[in-house]
C-alpha atoms as a PDB file:
ATOM      1  CA  MET A   1     -30.250 -41.286  -0.429  1.00  0.00           C
ATOM      2  CA  ARG A   2     -32.471 -42.325  -3.138  1.00  0.00           C
ATOM      3  CA  VAL A   3     -31.839 -41.117  -6.844  1.00  0.00           C
ATOM      4  CA  ALA A   4     -34.931 -39.848  -8.232  1.00  0.00           C
ATOM      5  CA  ASP A   5     -33.837 -40.973 -11.787  1.00  0.00           C
ATOM      6  CA  ASN A   6     -30.345 -42.027 -13.469  1.00  0.00           C
ATOM      7  CA  ARG A   7     -29.383 -38.549 -15.151  1.00  0.00           C
ATOM      8  CA  ILE A   8     -26.474 -37.220 -14.809  1.00  0.00           C
ATOM      9  CA  ALA A   9     -28.308 -34.081 -13.952  1.00  0.00           C
ATOM     10  CA  THR A  10     -29.998 -35.719 -11.370  1.00  0.00           C
ATOM     11  CA  VAL A  11     -26.799 -36.509  -9.709  1.00  0.00           C
ATOM     12  CA  LEU A  12     -25.305 -33.472  -9.899  1.00  0.00           C
ATOM     13  CA  ARG A  13     -27.846 -31.589  -7.615  1.00  0.00           C
ATOM     14  CA  LEU A  14     -28.115 -34.800  -5.126  1.00  0.00           C
ATOM     15  CA  TYR A  15     -24.222 -33.680  -4.460  1.00  0.00           C
ATOM     16  CA  ARG A  16     -25.181 -30.109  -3.652  1.00  0.00           C
ATOM     17  CA  THR A  17     -28.389 -31.118  -1.766  1.00  0.00           C
ATOM     18  CA  GLU A  18     -26.351 -34.029   0.456  1.00  0.00           C
ATOM     19  CA  LEU A  19     -22.856 -31.811   0.542  1.00  0.00           C
ATOM     20  CA  ALA A  20     -24.781 -28.504   1.907  1.00  0.00           C
ATOM     21  CA  PRO A  21     -24.023 -28.694   5.354  1.00  0.00           C
ATOM     22  CA  LEU A  22     -20.355 -28.981   4.766  1.00  0.00           C
ATOM     23  CA  TYR A  23     -19.703 -27.190   1.641  1.00  0.00           C
ATOM     24  CA  SER A  24     -20.760 -24.308  -0.351  1.00  0.00           C
ATOM     25  CA  ALA A  25     -22.612 -24.675  -3.292  1.00  0.00           C
ATOM     26  CA  ASP A  26     -19.703 -23.859  -5.481  1.00  0.00           C
ATOM     27  CA  GLU A  27     -17.547 -26.313  -3.638  1.00  0.00           C
ATOM     28  CA  ALA A  28     -20.270 -29.156  -3.802  1.00  0.00           C
ATOM     29  CA  ARG A  29     -20.085 -28.562  -7.594  1.00  0.00           C
ATOM     30  CA  ALA A  30     -16.365 -28.318  -8.096  1.00  0.00           C
ATOM     31  CA  ILE A  31     -16.427 -31.782  -5.668  1.00  0.00           C
ATOM     32  CA  ALA A  32     -18.917 -33.099  -7.598  1.00  0.00           C
ATOM     33  CA  ARG A  33     -17.033 -32.740 -11.401  1.00  0.00           C
ATOM     34  CA  THR A  34     -14.154 -34.111  -9.843  1.00  0.00           C
ATOM     35  CA  VAL A  35     -15.333 -37.146  -9.013  1.00  0.00           C
ATOM     36  CA  PHE A  36     -17.192 -37.645 -12.697  1.00  0.00           C
ATOM     37  CA  GLN A  37     -13.866 -37.021 -13.889  1.00  0.00           C
ATOM     38  CA  ALA A  38     -12.249 -39.306 -11.949  1.00  0.00           C
ATOM     39  CA  ARG A  39     -14.886 -42.587 -11.789  1.00  0.00           C
ATOM     40  CA  LEU A  40     -16.212 -42.001 -15.489  1.00  0.00           C
ATOM     41  CA  GLY A  41     -13.672 -39.953 -17.413  1.00  0.00           C
ATOM     42  CA  LEU A  42     -16.424 -36.768 -17.647  1.00  0.00           C
ATOM     43  CA  ASP A  43     -15.320 -33.403 -17.636  1.00  0.00           C
ATOM     44  CA  ALA A  44     -17.243 -30.189 -16.951  1.00  0.00           C
ATOM     45  CA  ALA A  45     -17.101 -29.563 -20.648  1.00  0.00           C
ATOM     46  CA  ALA A  46     -18.970 -32.955 -21.041  1.00  0.00           C
ATOM     47  CA  LEU A  47     -21.297 -32.877 -18.184  1.00  0.00           C
ATOM     48  CA  GLU A  48     -22.421 -29.622 -19.307  1.00  0.00           C
ATOM     49  CA  MET A  49     -23.539 -31.258 -22.719  1.00  0.00           C
ATOM     50  CA  HIS A  50     -24.475 -34.501 -21.110  1.00  0.00           C
ATOM     51  CA  ARG A  51     -26.789 -33.403 -18.225  1.00  0.00           C
ATOM     52  CA  ASP A  52     -29.843 -35.290 -19.315  1.00  0.00           C
ATOM     53  CA  GLN A  53     -27.557 -38.475 -20.493  1.00  0.00           C
ATOM     54  CA  ALA A  54     -28.746 -41.724 -18.282  1.00  0.00           C
ATOM     55  CA  LEU A  55     -26.276 -42.878 -16.339  1.00  0.00           C
ATOM     56  CA  SER A  56     -25.965 -46.758 -16.645  1.00  0.00           C
ATOM     57  CA  GLU A  57     -25.970 -48.838 -13.241  1.00  0.00           C
ATOM     58  CA  SER A  58     -22.295 -49.340 -13.011  1.00  0.00           C
ATOM     59  CA  GLU A  59     -21.590 -45.577 -13.850  1.00  0.00           C
ATOM     60  CA  LEU A  60     -24.329 -44.744 -11.634  1.00  0.00           C
ATOM     61  CA  LEU A  61     -22.911 -46.486  -8.706  1.00  0.00           C
ATOM     62  CA  ALA A  62     -19.835 -45.076  -9.158  1.00  0.00           C
ATOM     63  CA  VAL A  63     -20.650 -41.554  -8.438  1.00  0.00           C
ATOM     64  CA  TYR A  64     -23.289 -42.296  -6.227  1.00  0.00           C
ATOM     65  CA  THR A  65     -21.017 -44.438  -3.569  1.00  0.00           C
ATOM     66  CA  PRO A  66     -19.179 -41.139  -2.842  1.00  0.00           C
ATOM     67  CA  ILE A  67     -21.552 -38.861  -1.097  1.00  0.00           C
ATOM     68  CA  THR A  68     -21.842 -41.108   2.258  1.00  0.00           C
ATOM     69  CA  ARG A  69     -18.077 -40.821   2.669  1.00  0.00           C
ATOM     70  CA  LEU A  70     -18.347 -37.372   1.559  1.00  0.00           C
ATOM     71  CA  ARG A  71     -21.281 -36.265   3.381  1.00  0.00           C
ATOM     72  CA  ASP A  72     -19.550 -37.625   7.120  1.00  0.00           C
ATOM     73  CA  GLY A  73     -17.075 -35.375   6.045  1.00  0.00           C
ATOM     74  CA  GLU A  74     -14.171 -37.562   4.984  1.00  0.00           C
ATOM     75  CA  PRO A  75     -11.906 -35.763   2.522  1.00  0.00           C
ATOM     76  CA  LEU A  76     -12.134 -35.796  -1.237  1.00  0.00           C
ATOM     77  CA  GLN A  77      -8.878 -37.114  -1.566  1.00  0.00           C
ATOM     78  CA  TYR A  78      -9.248 -40.039   0.500  1.00  0.00           C
ATOM     79  CA  VAL A  79     -12.250 -41.123  -0.833  1.00  0.00           C
ATOM     80  CA  LEU A  80     -10.677 -41.084  -4.177  1.00  0.00           C
ATOM     81  CA  GLY A  81      -7.557 -42.527  -2.751  1.00  0.00           C
ATOM     82  CA  HIS A  82      -5.541 -40.160  -4.537  1.00  0.00           C
ATOM     83  CA  ALA A  83      -4.170 -36.407  -4.553  1.00  0.00           C
ATOM     84  CA  HIS A  84      -1.972 -34.351  -6.664  1.00  0.00           C
ATOM     85  CA  PHE A  85       1.240 -32.856  -6.369  1.00  0.00           C
ATOM     86  CA  HIS A  86       4.000 -31.112  -8.311  1.00  0.00           C
ATOM     87  CA  GLY A  87       2.870 -32.535 -11.567  1.00  0.00           C
ATOM     88  CA  GLN A  88       2.352 -36.380  -9.761  1.00  0.00           C
ATOM     89  CA  ASP A  89      -0.598 -38.300  -8.875  1.00  0.00           C
ATOM     90  CA  LEU A  90      -0.180 -39.306  -5.621  1.00  0.00           C
ATOM     91  CA  GLU A  91      -2.047 -41.972  -3.180  1.00  0.00           C
ATOM     92  CA  VAL A  92      -3.270 -40.899   0.201  1.00  0.00           C
ATOM     93  CA  GLY A  93      -5.130 -42.326   2.928  1.00  0.00           C
ATOM     94  CA  PRO A  94      -6.221 -42.147   6.179  1.00  0.00           C
ATOM     95  CA  GLY A  95      -2.513 -42.888   7.401  1.00  0.00           C
ATOM     96  CA  VAL A  96      -1.105 -39.882   5.827  1.00  0.00           C
ATOM     97  CA  LEU A  97      -1.474 -36.290   5.802  1.00  0.00           C
ATOM     98  CA  ILE A  98      -2.799 -34.709   2.312  1.00  0.00           C
ATOM     99  CA  PRO A  99      -0.344 -32.484   0.471  1.00  0.00           C
ATOM    100  CA  ARG A 100      -1.234 -29.059   0.659  1.00  0.00           C
ATOM    101  CA  PRO A 101      -0.796 -26.311  -2.442  1.00  0.00           C
ATOM    102  CA  GLU A 102       1.861 -24.292  -0.039  1.00  0.00           C
ATOM    103  CA  THR A 103       3.779 -27.622   0.553  1.00  0.00           C
ATOM    104  CA  GLU A 104       4.038 -27.551  -3.434  1.00  0.00           C
ATOM    105  CA  GLU A 105       5.312 -23.747  -3.320  1.00  0.00           C
ATOM    106  CA  MET A 106       7.941 -24.835  -1.115  1.00  0.00           C
ATOM    107  CA  VAL A 107       9.149 -27.623  -3.157  1.00  0.00           C
ATOM    108  CA  ASP A 108       9.249 -24.614  -6.090  1.00  0.00           C
ATOM    109  CA  HIS A 109      11.006 -22.619  -3.876  1.00  0.00           C
ATOM    110  CA  ILE A 110      13.763 -25.556  -3.587  1.00  0.00           C
ATOM    111  CA  VAL A 111      13.421 -26.480  -6.967  1.00  0.00           C
ATOM    112  CA  GLN A 112      14.570 -23.188  -8.172  1.00  0.00           C
ATOM    113  CA  GLY A 113      17.649 -22.559  -5.778  1.00  0.00           C
ATOM    114  CA  GLY A 114      19.025 -26.056  -6.858  1.00  0.00           C
ATOM    115  CA  PRO A 115      20.640 -28.231  -8.234  1.00  0.00           C
ATOM    116  CA  TYR A 116      21.408 -30.662  -5.084  1.00  0.00           C
ATOM    117  CA  ARG A 117      23.939 -33.284  -5.859  1.00  0.00           C
ATOM    118  CA  GLY A 118      24.650 -34.492  -2.357  1.00  0.00           C
ATOM    119  CA  THR A 119      21.751 -36.229  -0.036  1.00  0.00           C
ATOM    120  CA  ILE A 120      18.049 -34.750   0.126  1.00  0.00           C
ATOM    121  CA  VAL A 121      16.873 -35.797   3.687  1.00  0.00           C
ATOM    122  CA  ASP A 122      12.969 -35.450   3.925  1.00  0.00           C
ATOM    123  CA  ILE A 123      12.223 -35.574   7.508  1.00  0.00           C
ATOM    124  CA  GLY A 124       8.393 -36.717   8.229  1.00  0.00           C
ATOM    125  CA  THR A 125       7.680 -37.632   4.319  1.00  0.00           C
ATOM    126  CA  GLY A 126       4.074 -38.762   4.926  1.00  0.00           C
ATOM    127  CA  SER A 127       2.931 -39.460   1.355  1.00  0.00           C
ATOM    128  CA  GLY A 128       6.616 -39.166   0.240  1.00  0.00           C
ATOM    129  CA  CYS A 129       5.065 -35.740  -2.267  1.00  0.00           C
ATOM    130  CA  ILE A 130       8.196 -33.980  -1.107  1.00  0.00           C
ATOM    131  CA  ALA A 131      10.841 -36.506  -1.628  1.00  0.00           C
ATOM    132  CA  ILE A 132       9.505 -37.951  -4.933  1.00  0.00           C
ATOM    133  CA  ALA A 133       9.405 -34.461  -6.537  1.00  0.00           C
ATOM    134  CA  LEU A 134      13.204 -33.413  -5.420  1.00  0.00           C
ATOM    135  CA  LYS A 135      14.126 -36.750  -6.717  1.00  0.00           C
ATOM    136  CA  ARG A 136      12.356 -36.459 -10.207  1.00  0.00           C
ATOM    137  CA  ALA A 137      13.942 -32.763 -10.188  1.00  0.00           C
ATOM    138  CA  PHE A 138      17.404 -33.815  -9.383  1.00  0.00           C
ATOM    139  CA  PRO A 139      17.963 -37.192 -10.464  1.00  0.00           C
ATOM    140  CA  GLU A 140      21.668 -37.135  -9.540  1.00  0.00           C
ATOM    141  CA  ALA A 141      20.876 -35.982  -5.373  1.00  0.00           C
ATOM    142  CA  GLN A 142      20.314 -39.249  -3.136  1.00  0.00           C
ATOM    143  CA  VAL A 143      17.063 -38.624  -1.691  1.00  0.00           C
ATOM    144  CA  ARG A 144      15.700 -40.333   1.651  1.00  0.00           C
ATOM    145  CA  GLY A 145      12.212 -39.855   3.125  1.00  0.00           C
ATOM    146  CA  ILE A 146      12.063 -40.490   7.093  1.00  0.00           C
ATOM    147  CA  ASP A 147       8.640 -40.834   9.023  1.00  0.00           C
ATOM    148  CA  VAL A 148       7.942 -42.645  12.688  1.00  0.00           C
ATOM    149  CA  SER A 149       4.636 -44.278  10.924  1.00  0.00           C
ATOM    150  CA  ALA A 150       5.001 -47.611   9.107  1.00  0.00           C
ATOM    151  CA  ASP A 151       1.679 -46.640   8.011  1.00  0.00           C
ATOM    152  CA  ALA A 152       2.550 -43.380   5.812  1.00  0.00           C
ATOM    153  CA  LEU A 153       5.748 -44.995   4.998  1.00  0.00           C
ATOM    154  CA  ALA A 154       4.071 -47.931   3.062  1.00  0.00           C
ATOM    155  CA  ILE A 155       1.832 -45.201   1.289  1.00  0.00           C
ATOM    156  CA  ALA A 156       5.194 -43.611   0.267  1.00  0.00           C
ATOM    157  CA  GLN A 157       7.160 -46.444  -0.987  1.00  0.00           C
ATOM    158  CA  ARG A 158       4.040 -47.478  -3.219  1.00  0.00           C
ATOM    159  CA  ASN A 159       3.768 -43.632  -4.515  1.00  0.00           C
ATOM    160  CA  GLY A 160       8.261 -44.081  -5.167  1.00  0.00           C
ATOM    161  CA  ARG A 161       6.730 -47.136  -7.154  1.00  0.00           C
ATOM    162  CA  ARG A 162       3.790 -45.057  -8.747  1.00  0.00           C
ATOM    163  CA  CYS A 163       5.948 -42.189  -9.926  1.00  0.00           C
ATOM    164  CA  ASP A 164       9.478 -44.353 -10.728  1.00  0.00           C
ATOM    165  CA  ALA A 165      11.456 -42.055  -8.153  1.00  0.00           C
ATOM    166  CA  ASP A 166      14.161 -44.266  -6.250  1.00  0.00           C
ATOM    167  CA  VAL A 167      13.929 -42.566  -3.010  1.00  0.00           C
ATOM    168  CA  GLU A 168      14.642 -44.465   0.085  1.00  0.00           C
ATOM    169  CA  TRP A 169      12.495 -44.658   2.677  1.00  0.00           C
ATOM    170  CA  ALA A 170      13.331 -45.257   6.162  1.00  0.00           C
ATOM    171  CA  GLN A 171      11.457 -45.801   9.679  1.00  0.00           C
ATOM    172  CA  ALA A 172      12.827 -43.733  12.366  1.00  0.00           C
ATOM    173  CA  ASP A 173      11.914 -41.107  15.258  1.00  0.00           C
ATOM    174  CA  VAL A 174      14.137 -38.026  14.969  1.00  0.00           C
ATOM    175  CA  PHE A 175      13.541 -37.181  18.567  1.00  0.00           C
ATOM    176  CA  ASP A 176      15.698 -40.789  19.494  1.00  0.00           C
ATOM    177  CA  PRO A 177      19.412 -39.476  20.836  1.00  0.00           C
ATOM    178  CA  ASP A 178      20.671 -41.752  18.625  1.00  0.00           C
ATOM    179  CA  PHE A 179      19.462 -40.397  15.154  1.00  0.00           C
ATOM    180  CA  VAL A 180      21.493 -38.702  12.733  1.00  0.00           C
ATOM    181  CA  LEU A 181      21.107 -37.315   9.615  1.00  0.00           C
ATOM    182  CA  PRO A 182      24.028 -39.092   6.837  1.00  0.00           C
ATOM    183  CA  ALA A 183      27.451 -37.619   6.759  1.00  0.00           C
ATOM    184  CA  ASP A 184      26.819 -36.523   3.177  1.00  0.00           C
ATOM    185  CA  THR A 185      23.069 -34.282   3.623  1.00  0.00           C
ATOM    186  CA  ALA A 186      23.004 -30.958   1.194  1.00  0.00           C
ATOM    187  CA  LEU A 187      19.786 -30.092   1.775  1.00  0.00           C
ATOM    188  CA  VAL A 188      17.204 -31.341   4.748  1.00  0.00           C
ATOM    189  CA  VAL A 189      13.726 -30.494   4.103  1.00  0.00           C
ATOM    190  CA  SER A 190      10.387 -30.707   6.257  1.00  0.00           C
ATOM    191  CA  ASN A 191       6.653 -29.869   6.928  1.00  0.00           C
ATOM    192  CA  PRO A 192       6.691 -31.180  10.519  1.00  0.00           C
ATOM    193  CA  PRO A 193       3.798 -31.061  12.547  1.00  0.00           C
ATOM    194  CA  TYR A 194       3.006 -27.540  13.636  1.00  0.00           C
ATOM    195  CA  VAL A 195      -0.483 -26.841  14.116  1.00  0.00           C
ATOM    196  CA  PRO A 196      -0.976 -25.361  17.752  1.00  0.00           C
ATOM    197  CA  ARG A 197      -3.677 -28.078  19.319  1.00  0.00           C
ATOM    198  CA  SER A 198      -5.664 -25.212  20.453  1.00  0.00           C
ATOM    199  CA  GLU A 199      -6.646 -24.951  16.849  1.00  0.00           C
ATOM    200  CA  ALA A 200      -8.352 -28.281  16.857  1.00  0.00           C
ATOM    201  CA  ALA A 201     -11.650 -27.082  17.995  1.00  0.00           C
ATOM    202  CA  HIS A 202     -11.744 -24.176  14.604  1.00  0.00           C
ATOM    203  CA  MET A 203     -10.743 -26.579  11.985  1.00  0.00           C
ATOM    204  CA  GLN A 204     -12.931 -28.107   9.135  1.00  0.00           C
ATOM    205  CA  VAL A 205     -13.871 -32.009  10.247  1.00  0.00           C
ATOM    206  CA  GLN A 206     -12.703 -33.155   6.967  1.00  0.00           C
ATOM    207  CA  VAL A 207      -9.387 -31.880   8.461  1.00  0.00           C
ATOM    208  CA  HIS A 208      -9.747 -32.934  12.207  1.00  0.00           C
ATOM    209  CA  ALA A 209     -11.815 -36.147  12.281  1.00  0.00           C
ATOM    210  CA  HIS A 210      -9.822 -37.888   9.234  1.00  0.00           C
ATOM    211  CA  GLU A 211      -5.885 -36.746   8.611  1.00  0.00           C
ATOM    212  CA  PRO A 212      -3.596 -38.221  11.575  1.00  0.00           C
ATOM    213  CA  HIS A 213      -3.244 -36.072  14.390  1.00  0.00           C
ATOM    214  CA  ILE A 214       0.262 -37.115  14.507  1.00  0.00           C
ATOM    215  CA  ALA A 215       0.992 -35.399  10.901  1.00  0.00           C
ATOM    216  CA  LEU A 216      -0.719 -32.478  12.043  1.00  0.00           C
ATOM    217  CA  PHE A 217      -0.726 -30.948  15.546  1.00  0.00           C
ATOM    218  CA  VAL A 218       2.104 -29.722  18.341  1.00  0.00           C
ATOM    219  CA  ASP A 219       1.627 -28.667  21.860  1.00  0.00           C
ATOM    220  CA  ASP A 220       0.873 -24.980  22.316  1.00  0.00           C
ATOM    221  CA  ALA A 221       3.092 -24.888  25.468  1.00  0.00           C
ATOM    222  CA  ASP A 222       5.990 -25.474  22.908  1.00  0.00           C
ATOM    223  CA  PRO A 223       5.055 -25.081  19.329  1.00  0.00           C
ATOM    224  CA  LEU A 224       9.102 -24.809  18.529  1.00  0.00           C
ATOM    225  CA  LEU A 225       9.780 -28.542  19.472  1.00  0.00           C
ATOM    226  CA  TYR A 226      10.217 -29.868  15.985  1.00  0.00           C
ATOM    227  CA  TYR A 227      12.298 -26.825  15.047  1.00  0.00           C
ATOM    228  CA  ARG A 228      14.418 -27.036  17.668  1.00  0.00           C
ATOM    229  CA  ARG A 229      15.394 -30.880  16.931  1.00  0.00           C
ATOM    230  CA  LEU A 230      15.340 -30.369  13.065  1.00  0.00           C
ATOM    231  CA  GLY A 231      17.755 -27.253  13.268  1.00  0.00           C
ATOM    232  CA  ALA A 232      19.974 -28.654  15.723  1.00  0.00           C
ATOM    233  CA  LEU A 233      19.997 -31.950  13.249  1.00  0.00           C
ATOM    234  CA  ALA A 234      20.393 -30.181  10.265  1.00  0.00           C
ATOM    235  CA  HIS A 235      23.563 -28.021  11.990  1.00  0.00           C
ATOM    236  CA  ALA A 236      25.019 -31.053  13.068  1.00  0.00           C
ATOM    237  CA  ALA A 237      24.942 -33.016   9.668  1.00  0.00           C
ATOM    238  CA  LEU A 238      25.634 -29.681   6.430  1.00  0.00           C
ATOM    239  CA  PRO A 239      28.463 -28.577   5.533  1.00  0.00           C
ATOM    240  CA  SER A 240      29.391 -24.965   4.729  1.00  0.00           C
ATOM    241  CA  GLY A 241      26.398 -23.984   2.682  1.00  0.00           C
ATOM    242  CA  GLY A 242      24.017 -26.594   3.118  1.00  0.00           C
ATOM    243  CA  HIS A 243      20.712 -25.699   3.080  1.00  0.00           C
ATOM    244  CA  LEU A 244      17.606 -26.671   5.292  1.00  0.00           C
ATOM    245  CA  TRP A 245      14.346 -25.508   4.127  1.00  0.00           C
ATOM    246  CA  LEU A 246      11.189 -25.916   6.526  1.00  0.00           C
ATOM    247  CA  GLU A 247       7.193 -25.171   6.426  1.00  0.00           C
ATOM    248  CA  GLY A 248       5.303 -24.027   9.647  1.00  0.00           C
ATOM    249  CA  HIS A 249       2.628 -22.280  10.919  1.00  0.00           C
ATOM    250  CA  TYR A 250       2.471 -18.203   9.901  1.00  0.00           C
ATOM    251  CA  ARG A 251       2.568 -17.291  13.757  1.00  0.00           C
ATOM    252  CA  HIS A 252       5.338 -19.298  14.433  1.00  0.00           C
ATOM    253  CA  THR A 253       7.620 -19.186  11.316  1.00  0.00           C
ATOM    254  CA  PRO A 254       9.586 -15.821  12.490  1.00  0.00           C
ATOM    255  CA  ALA A 255      10.690 -16.957  15.460  1.00  0.00           C
ATOM    256  CA  VAL A 256      11.986 -20.359  14.273  1.00  0.00           C
ATOM    257  CA  GLY A 257      13.967 -18.359  12.251  1.00  0.00           C
ATOM    258  CA  ASP A 258      15.487 -16.351  15.002  1.00  0.00           C
ATOM    259  CA  LEU A 259      15.999 -19.983  16.808  1.00  0.00           C
ATOM    260  CA  LEU A 260      18.138 -20.961  13.705  1.00  0.00           C
ATOM    261  CA  ARG A 261      19.895 -17.514  13.844  1.00  0.00           C
ATOM    262  CA  GLU A 262      20.850 -18.592  17.422  1.00  0.00           C
ATOM    263  CA  MET A 263      22.218 -21.874  16.125  1.00  0.00           C
ATOM    264  CA  GLY A 264      24.673 -20.406  14.345  1.00  0.00           C
ATOM    265  CA  PHE A 265      23.229 -20.530  10.589  1.00  0.00           C
ATOM    266  CA  ARG A 266      24.791 -17.836   8.343  1.00  0.00           C
ATOM    267  CA  THR A 267      21.927 -16.722   6.183  1.00  0.00           C
ATOM    268  CA  VAL A 268      18.388 -17.325   7.632  1.00  0.00           C
ATOM    269  CA  GLU A 269      15.360 -16.501   5.324  1.00  0.00           C
ATOM    270  CA  VAL A 270      11.453 -16.248   5.749  1.00  0.00           C
ATOM    271  CA  ARG A 271       9.059 -15.849   3.290  1.00  0.00           C
ATOM    272  CA  LYS A 272       5.783 -15.591   2.839  1.00  0.00           C
ATOM    273  CA  ASP A 273       3.551 -18.152   0.588  1.00  0.00           C
ATOM    274  CA  LEU A 274       1.106 -17.043  -2.304  1.00  0.00           C
ATOM    275  CA  SER A 275      -1.531 -15.690   0.235  1.00  0.00           C
ATOM    276  CA  GLY A 276       0.637 -13.937   2.231  1.00  0.00           C
ATOM    277  CA  HIS A 277       1.217 -15.629   5.347  1.00  0.00           C
ATOM    278  CA  HIS A 278       4.777 -16.299   6.985  1.00  0.00           C
ATOM    279  CA  ARG A 279       5.066 -19.955   5.626  1.00  0.00           C
ATOM    280  CA  PHE A 280       8.534 -21.294   4.797  1.00  0.00           C
ATOM    281  CA  ILE A 281      11.933 -21.031   6.471  1.00  0.00           C
ATOM    282  CA  HIS A 282      15.108 -21.093   4.254  1.00  0.00           C
ATOM    283  CA  ALA A 283      18.375 -21.720   6.354  1.00  0.00           C
ATOM    284  CA  ILE A 284      21.846 -21.490   4.816  1.00  0.00           C
ATOM    285  CA  ARG A 285      24.740 -23.670   7.124  1.00  0.00           C
END
């Protein structure tokens, strides 16, 4: 790629043309604005006001180099190295799932239902977004973030330090028959893999080709695999009145609710997300 000149307007047009195969004009414009804000501190108003301003060589390089990675389908959050979640700026990279707005919604539901003063366990913590948000919301609680991936935990640990959140991080496989939750667990929360593998071919390249499959997909033959295990672990560890919160696939969350009722949870509620899809399961022991 070559830039005809180093004016801001020229670079903005380049984003639209180069990203056209993957993004609409509006999406490309939003991406360009985000890059300019992150790399040069220029917001949308400043870009409009100074469209004809020439960039220095270093400034041009800062906003020009991301285009190649974005054009190849790499998610914007990976290119910039961070994502926003529940008021915090978190490091993200190929080893962790990019935090979604739906997960932020689940955290909001949990915070509204608090406080929690025992141990909070976030299973499949990834970037640590849920664990960190809950520790900041409930500073008196002991929060533990668990993941099977050492790469994910390394990022989660850095995010914990970055956000000044005293979370305990542990590497573990919940399917290990010896795995148990702490005896004083008051809340179990998880955003487990729930996308059926059959949907992979229809997903955006930004997701399918770049985000970790271990955090995304579950076999179509047993879409409730993780929920069965998480429900059993939570039912065994939680006291009467203890809480379980799960995020799930819109087609399978009602079945997860039925599964938890069969396990003996006293109260089970399936909630919709802001888009109107069944997304969250809240169960009380």
